[in-house]
Amino acid sequence: MKKALITGITGQDGSYLAELLLEKGYEVHGLIRRSSSFSTGRIDHLMANPEIHQVKLFLHYADMTDGSRLVTLIAKIAPDEVYNLAAQSHVRVSFDEPEYTGDSVGMGTTRLLEAIRVTQVNCRFYQASSSEMFGATPPPQNEETPFYPRSPYGVAKLYGYWITRNYREAYGMFACNGILFNHESERRGETFVTSKIALGAARIAQGKQKKLVLGNLDAIRDWGYAPEYVEGMWRMLQHDKADDYVLATNTGYSVRDFLNFSFKTVNLDWEKYVQFDERYIRPTEVDALIGDYTKAATTLGWKPKTSFEDLVIMMVDADIERLK
């Protein structure tokens, strides 16, 4: 039985990846941070299953800022595959917490790679890189596109990307970067704009909210469905050669488009309910991110399946159901 270690297992991507790996017969280990409140909501259904929890799924307290703990766990678990998904992942918040973002996202990746190196555990490593690394570089963006990050988050992710490549080239580690463009789902955190819009539309339609406050509506992003993207992560580590791949849909839609589709799903005109607040504007904006997944399709056989409109409808419908 293969063993996998997932950092960020309680996040959107981590929860879907845990499900995927368990379905494929893996023993799954996840890192969680100690907190006085529960943060395992996305994997509670797995933990509640006596055939899975503490049988095929094991959780360990750790933090990406604690290198010694990472060394201990890598040595103890001896995983076959490591998926580094943990991060301070909110771009706007990274401007408020640049040092912590750099420490957890950038240096955290170094600590994990170094833990693998010093313990000499023979495993394959996946690094969750981000389309935010492209920043101001015009689309379409692929694996050869120059990077120009426009946020502390993007800069930290770029460090993580290059240190992963460096360990691959310096030490012969099987280490891959997945440069994922925006990927959403019913499990997306409520502070992310897509989830904020979908939930806002659902709440307004049910009379539980009057207004939705947003920032830049002109930003264009390439939005896909998260469960399909974690399958792409897994495919990267099954290939016979370590490499870096863009996962995207090759299409771009604005935040305004997301608003339009969301409110159309509940038969409302979004312009009657949305207010602008400059507090949500980033000091340096990223105008457009649209990926080109040709390499992943050709080499890994990976392609997105869910359309933008279907994704929006899925998210709004899920929020409507949750609010009942």
Protein backbone atom coordinates (compact mmCIF):
# COMPACT_ATOMS: atom_id res chain seq x y z
CA MET A 1 0.00 0.00 0.00
CA LYS A 2 1.39 3.39 -1.02
CA LYS A 3 1.64 6.09 1.65
CA ALA A 4 1.02 9.75 0.92
CA LEU A 5 1.59 12.82 3.09
CA ILE A 6 -0.56 15.89 2.45
CA THR A 7 0.21 19.27 3.98
CA GLY A 8 -2.89 21.46 3.94
CA ILE A 9 -5.20 18.44 4.10
CA THR A 10 -8.00 20.47 5.71
CA GLY A 11 -8.13 22.92 2.79
CA GLN A 12 -10.21 22.70 -0.36
CA ASP A 13 -7.57 20.91 -2.44
CA GLY A 14 -6.29 18.80 0.44
CA SER A 15 -9.72 17.37 1.19
CA TYR A 16 -10.36 16.41 -2.43
CA LEU A 17 -6.87 14.95 -2.77
CA ALA A 18 -7.34 12.87 0.39
CA GLU A 19 -10.58 11.45 -1.04
CA LEU A 20 -8.90 10.67 -4.37
CA LEU A 21 -5.92 8.91 -2.80
CA LEU A 22 -8.10 6.90 -0.41
CA GLU A 23 -10.18 5.76 -3.38
CA LYS A 24 -6.95 4.64 -5.06
CA GLY A 25 -5.99 2.54 -2.07
CA TYR A 26 -3.41 4.82 -0.43
CA GLU A 27 -2.70 5.18 3.26
CA VAL A 28 -3.07 8.94 3.73
CA HIS A 29 -1.34 11.10 6.32
CA GLY A 30 -2.25 14.76 6.77
CA LEU A 31 -0.68 17.65 8.66
CA ILE A 32 -2.94 19.90 10.72
CA ARG A 33 -2.15 22.91 12.88
CA ARG A 34 -3.10 22.93 16.54
CA SER A 35 -6.03 25.26 17.19
CA SER A 36 -8.54 25.85 19.96
CA SER A 37 -11.32 25.53 17.39
CA PHE A 38 -11.94 22.71 14.93
CA SER A 39 -10.74 23.26 11.36
CA THR A 40 -11.40 19.83 9.89
CA GLY A 41 -14.84 20.54 8.44
CA ARG A 42 -13.91 19.52 4.90
CA ILE A 43 -12.68 16.09 6.01
CA ASP A 44 -15.09 15.42 8.90
CA HIS A 45 -16.95 12.87 6.75
CA LEU A 46 -13.71 10.90 6.39
CA MET A 47 -12.88 11.16 10.09
CA ALA A 48 -16.38 9.97 11.00
CA ASN A 49 -15.91 6.75 9.01
CA PRO A 50 -14.47 4.05 11.31
CA GLU A 51 -13.20 2.11 8.29
CA ILE A 52 -11.05 5.09 7.27
CA HIS A 53 -10.01 7.20 10.28
CA GLN A 54 -6.96 5.77 12.08
CA VAL A 55 -7.06 2.86 9.62
CA LYS A 56 -6.26 4.49 6.28
CA LEU A 57 -6.27 8.17 7.29
CA PHE A 58 -3.98 9.59 9.96
CA LEU A 59 -3.62 13.22 11.09
CA HIS A 60 -0.52 14.74 12.68
CA TYR A 61 0.00 18.10 14.36
CA ALA A 62 2.64 20.16 12.58
CA ASP A 63 3.35 23.59 11.12
CA MET A 64 5.26 24.63 8.01
CA THR A 65 7.29 27.04 10.15
CA ASP A 66 8.60 24.19 12.35
CA GLY A 67 11.35 22.41 10.44
CA SER A 68 12.31 19.94 13.18
CA ARG A 69 8.75 18.65 13.38
CA LEU A 70 8.69 18.13 9.61
CA VAL A 71 11.92 16.11 9.80
CA THR A 72 10.45 13.95 12.58
CA LEU A 73 7.25 13.23 10.66
CA ILE A 74 8.93 12.52 7.32
CA ALA A 75 11.21 10.00 9.07
CA LYS A 76 8.31 8.43 11.00
CA ILE A 77 5.81 8.19 8.12
CA ALA A 78 8.32 7.45 5.31
CA PRO A 79 5.80 8.45 2.62
CA ASP A 80 5.99 7.39 -1.02
CA GLU A 81 4.47 10.69 -2.13
CA VAL A 82 4.40 14.14 -0.52
CA TYR A 83 1.92 16.80 -1.63
CA ASN A 84 2.75 20.28 -0.32
CA LEU A 85 -0.55 22.17 -0.39
CA ALA A 86 -0.21 24.14 2.86
CA ALA A 87 -0.09 27.92 2.56
CA GLN A 88 -1.32 31.29 3.70
CA SER A 89 -3.29 31.25 0.46
CA HIS A 90 -5.19 34.55 0.44
CA VAL A 91 -3.55 36.99 -1.98
CA ARG A 92 -5.02 40.16 -0.46
CA VAL A 93 -4.09 39.08 3.07
CA SER A 94 -0.50 38.50 1.95
CA PHE A 95 -0.10 42.29 1.65
CA ASP A 96 -1.04 42.58 5.34
CA GLU A 97 1.11 39.62 6.42
CA PRO A 98 4.03 39.53 3.95
CA GLU A 99 6.58 38.13 6.42
CA TYR A 100 4.38 35.25 7.59
CA THR A 101 3.34 34.52 3.99
CA GLY A 102 6.99 34.30 2.95
CA ASP A 103 7.88 32.15 5.94
CA SER A 104 5.05 29.63 5.62
CA VAL A 105 4.76 29.50 1.83
CA GLY A 106 8.34 30.03 0.67
CA MET A 107 10.53 28.85 3.53
CA GLY A 108 7.95 26.22 4.46
CA THR A 109 8.60 24.54 1.11
CA THR A 110 12.35 24.61 1.79
CA ARG A 111 11.87 23.04 5.23
CA LEU A 112 9.82 20.21 3.76
CA LEU A 113 12.26 19.53 0.92
CA GLU A 114 15.17 19.63 3.34
CA ALA A 115 13.36 17.21 5.66
CA ILE A 116 13.06 14.77 2.76
CA ARG A 117 16.72 15.26 1.84
CA VAL A 118 18.22 14.82 5.30
CA THR A 119 16.08 11.80 6.19
CA GLN A 120 16.89 10.23 2.79
CA VAL A 121 13.30 9.04 2.42
CA ASN A 122 12.79 7.94 -1.18
CA CYS A 123 9.60 9.75 -2.16
CA ARG A 124 8.08 11.86 -4.88
CA PHE A 125 7.28 15.50 -4.12
CA TYR A 126 4.53 17.76 -5.44
CA GLN A 127 4.71 21.52 -4.92
CA ALA A 128 1.52 23.56 -5.25
CA SER A 129 2.71 26.46 -7.35
CA SER A 130 0.33 29.18 -8.51
CA SER A 131 -0.70 31.19 -11.55
CA GLU A 132 -0.13 34.26 -9.32
CA MET A 133 3.56 33.81 -10.13
CA PHE A 134 2.84 35.09 -13.66
CA GLY A 135 1.26 38.27 -12.30
CA ALA A 136 1.71 41.12 -14.77
CA THR A 137 2.90 38.93 -17.68
CA PRO A 138 0.16 39.00 -20.36
CA PRO A 139 -1.80 35.79 -21.12
CA PRO A 140 -1.87 33.11 -22.32
CA GLN A 141 0.61 31.74 -19.78
CA ASN A 142 2.35 28.37 -20.00
CA GLU A 143 5.42 26.64 -18.54
CA GLU A 144 7.80 28.85 -20.56
CA THR A 145 6.13 32.19 -19.75
CA PRO A 146 8.30 34.65 -17.73
CA PHE A 147 7.20 35.23 -14.15
CA TYR A 148 6.25 38.67 -12.79
CA PRO A 149 4.48 38.22 -9.42
CA ARG A 150 2.48 41.17 -8.09
CA SER A 151 1.87 40.18 -4.46
CA PRO A 152 3.82 38.80 -1.47
CA TYR A 153 1.87 35.58 -2.03
CA GLY A 154 2.98 35.37 -5.66
CA VAL A 155 6.58 36.13 -4.69
CA ALA A 156 6.53 33.46 -1.95
CA LYS A 157 5.06 30.90 -4.38
CA LEU A 158 7.78 31.77 -6.88
CA TYR A 159 10.44 31.05 -4.26
CA GLY A 160 8.73 27.70 -3.59
CA TYR A 161 8.72 26.97 -7.32
CA TRP A 162 12.44 27.65 -7.78
CA ILE A 163 13.57 25.87 -4.62
CA THR A 164 11.62 22.80 -5.79
CA ARG A 165 13.38 22.91 -9.16
CA ASN A 166 16.71 23.44 -7.41
CA TYR A 167 16.30 20.35 -5.21
CA ARG A 168 15.29 18.35 -8.29
CA GLU A 169 18.40 19.45 -10.18
CA ALA A 170 20.85 19.50 -7.26
CA TYR A 171 19.87 16.27 -5.49
CA GLY A 172 18.05 14.28 -8.17
CA MET A 173 14.79 14.41 -6.24
CA PHE A 174 11.56 13.54 -8.03
CA ALA A 175 10.01 16.96 -7.44
CA CYS A 176 7.25 18.52 -9.55
CA ASN A 177 5.66 21.95 -9.65
CA GLY A 178 1.97 22.12 -10.48
CA ILE A 179 1.25 25.67 -11.68
CA LEU A 180 -2.47 25.69 -11.04
CA PHE A 181 -4.74 28.45 -12.24
CA ASN A 182 -7.81 29.36 -10.19
CA HIS A 183 -9.77 26.26 -9.23
CA GLU A 184 -12.97 26.48 -7.24
CA SER A 185 -15.61 24.22 -5.75
CA GLU A 186 -18.41 23.95 -3.21
CA ARG A 187 -15.64 23.71 -0.56
CA ARG A 188 -13.94 27.00 -1.41
CA GLY A 189 -13.33 29.21 1.64
CA GLU A 190 -15.87 31.99 2.09
CA THR A 191 -13.28 34.79 1.97
CA PHE A 192 -12.35 33.93 -1.63
CA VAL A 193 -14.23 36.04 -4.16
CA THR A 194 -15.92 33.16 -6.00
CA SER A 195 -17.32 31.65 -2.82
CA LYS A 196 -18.22 35.09 -1.49
CA ILE A 197 -20.24 35.76 -4.66
CA ALA A 198 -21.93 32.35 -4.79
CA LEU A 199 -22.87 32.47 -1.11
CA GLY A 200 -23.96 36.11 -1.41
CA ALA A 201 -26.27 35.30 -4.33
CA ALA A 202 -27.78 32.39 -2.39
CA ARG A 203 -28.29 34.45 0.78
CA ILE A 204 -29.77 37.43 -1.08
CA ALA A 205 -32.17 35.15 -2.96
CA GLN A 206 -33.37 33.75 0.37
CA GLY A 207 -33.72 37.20 1.96
CA LYS A 208 -30.88 36.59 4.41
CA GLN A 209 -28.56 39.30 3.04
CA LYS A 210 -29.18 42.68 1.43
CA LYS A 211 -25.90 43.70 -0.19
CA LEU A 212 -22.69 42.13 -1.48
CA VAL A 213 -19.52 44.21 -1.09
CA LEU A 214 -16.68 43.56 -3.56
CA GLY A 215 -13.53 45.12 -5.03
CA ASN A 216 -12.15 44.83 -8.56
CA LEU A 217 -14.77 43.38 -10.91
CA ASP A 218 -12.60 43.60 -14.03
CA ALA A 219 -9.96 41.05 -13.04
CA ILE A 220 -9.94 38.14 -15.49
CA ARG A 221 -9.15 34.63 -14.28
CA ASP A 222 -9.04 31.08 -15.63
CA TRP A 223 -11.47 29.18 -13.38
CA GLY A 224 -11.67 25.38 -13.18
CA TYR A 225 -13.13 22.73 -10.87
CA ALA A 226 -10.87 21.72 -7.97
CA PRO A 227 -11.47 17.91 -7.91
CA GLU A 228 -10.23 17.71 -11.50
CA TYR A 229 -7.09 19.64 -10.59
CA VAL A 230 -6.11 17.38 -7.69
CA GLU A 231 -6.33 14.45 -10.10
CA GLY A 232 -3.79 16.36 -12.21
CA MET A 233 -1.51 16.63 -9.16
CA TRP A 234 -1.62 12.86 -8.73
CA ARG A 235 -0.87 12.29 -12.42
CA MET A 236 2.28 14.40 -12.17
CA LEU A 237 3.72 12.06 -9.53
CA GLN A 238 2.81 8.92 -11.51
CA HIS A 239 4.78 9.98 -14.59
CA ASP A 240 8.23 8.49 -15.17
CA LYS A 241 9.93 11.91 -15.23
CA ALA A 242 9.68 14.81 -12.78
CA ASP A 243 8.64 18.04 -14.48
CA ASP A 244 6.52 21.19 -14.10
CA TYR A 245 3.01 21.56 -15.50
CA VAL A 246 0.32 24.20 -15.94
CA LEU A 247 -3.24 23.10 -15.11
CA ALA A 248 -5.89 25.46 -16.48
CA THR A 249 -8.92 25.62 -18.79
CA ASN A 250 -7.48 27.92 -21.51
CA THR A 251 -10.42 30.30 -20.99
CA GLY A 252 -10.81 33.55 -19.08
CA TYR A 253 -13.78 35.18 -17.38
CA SER A 254 -13.99 38.34 -15.28
CA VAL A 255 -15.26 38.66 -11.73
CA ARG A 256 -18.18 40.51 -13.32
CA ASP A 257 -18.92 37.41 -15.40
CA PHE A 258 -18.91 35.29 -12.24
CA LEU A 259 -21.36 37.73 -10.67
CA ASN A 260 -23.61 37.64 -13.72
CA PHE A 261 -23.80 33.84 -13.87
CA SER A 262 -24.25 33.51 -10.08
CA PHE A 263 -27.15 35.94 -9.85
CA LYS A 264 -28.69 34.62 -13.06
CA THR A 265 -28.82 31.22 -11.33
CA VAL A 266 -31.16 32.72 -8.70
CA ASN A 267 -32.99 34.96 -11.23
CA LEU A 268 -31.68 38.26 -9.86
CA ASP A 269 -29.90 41.29 -11.35
CA TRP A 270 -26.55 41.55 -9.58
CA GLU A 271 -26.21 45.29 -10.24
CA LYS A 272 -29.03 45.95 -7.77
CA TYR A 273 -27.17 44.29 -4.91
CA VAL A 274 -23.42 44.78 -5.35
CA GLN A 275 -21.45 47.62 -3.75
CA PHE A 276 -17.83 48.58 -4.41
CA ASP A 277 -15.34 48.97 -1.54
CA GLU A 278 -11.79 50.11 -2.25
CA ARG A 279 -10.54 48.19 0.80
CA TYR A 280 -10.71 45.06 -1.34
CA ILE A 281 -8.41 46.50 -4.00
CA ARG A 282 -4.86 45.11 -3.92
CA PRO A 283 -1.93 47.57 -3.87
CA THR A 284 -0.75 45.90 -7.09
CA GLU A 285 -3.43 44.22 -9.18
CA VAL A 286 -3.16 41.30 -11.60
CA ASP A 287 -5.30 42.07 -14.62
CA ALA A 288 -5.55 38.74 -16.44
CA LEU A 289 -4.48 35.12 -15.86
CA ILE A 290 -5.38 32.61 -18.57
CA GLY A 291 -3.47 29.35 -18.73
CA ASP A 292 -2.42 27.00 -21.50
CA TYR A 293 -2.59 23.35 -20.36
CA THR A 294 -1.27 21.85 -23.63
CA LYS A 295 1.75 20.22 -21.96
CA ALA A 296 -0.37 18.53 -19.27
CA ALA A 297 -2.78 17.26 -21.92
CA THR A 298 -0.01 15.92 -24.13
CA THR A 299 2.22 14.41 -21.44
CA LEU A 300 -0.19 13.45 -18.67
CA GLY A 301 -3.44 13.02 -20.58
CA TRP A 302 -5.07 15.60 -18.28
CA LYS A 303 -7.91 17.87 -19.41
CA PRO A 304 -10.50 19.94 -17.53
CA LYS A 305 -14.09 18.74 -17.84
CA THR A 306 -16.32 21.26 -16.04
CA SER A 307 -17.34 24.44 -17.86
CA PHE A 308 -17.25 27.85 -16.21
CA GLU A 309 -21.04 28.17 -16.23
CA ASP A 310 -21.54 24.69 -14.76
CA LEU A 311 -18.98 25.48 -12.03
CA VAL A 312 -20.82 28.66 -11.02
CA ILE A 313 -24.21 26.93 -10.97
CA MET A 314 -22.76 24.07 -8.90
CA MET A 315 -21.37 26.48 -6.29
CA VAL A 316 -24.55 28.56 -6.01
CA ASP A 317 -26.79 25.49 -5.81
CA ALA A 318 -24.60 24.00 -3.06
CA ASP A 319 -24.86 27.21 -1.02
CA ILE A 320 -28.63 27.33 -1.50
CA GLU A 321 -28.86 23.77 -0.20
CA ARG A 322 -26.62 24.51 2.80
CA LEU A 323 -28.72 27.54 3.78
CA LYS A 324 -31.99 25.62 3.91
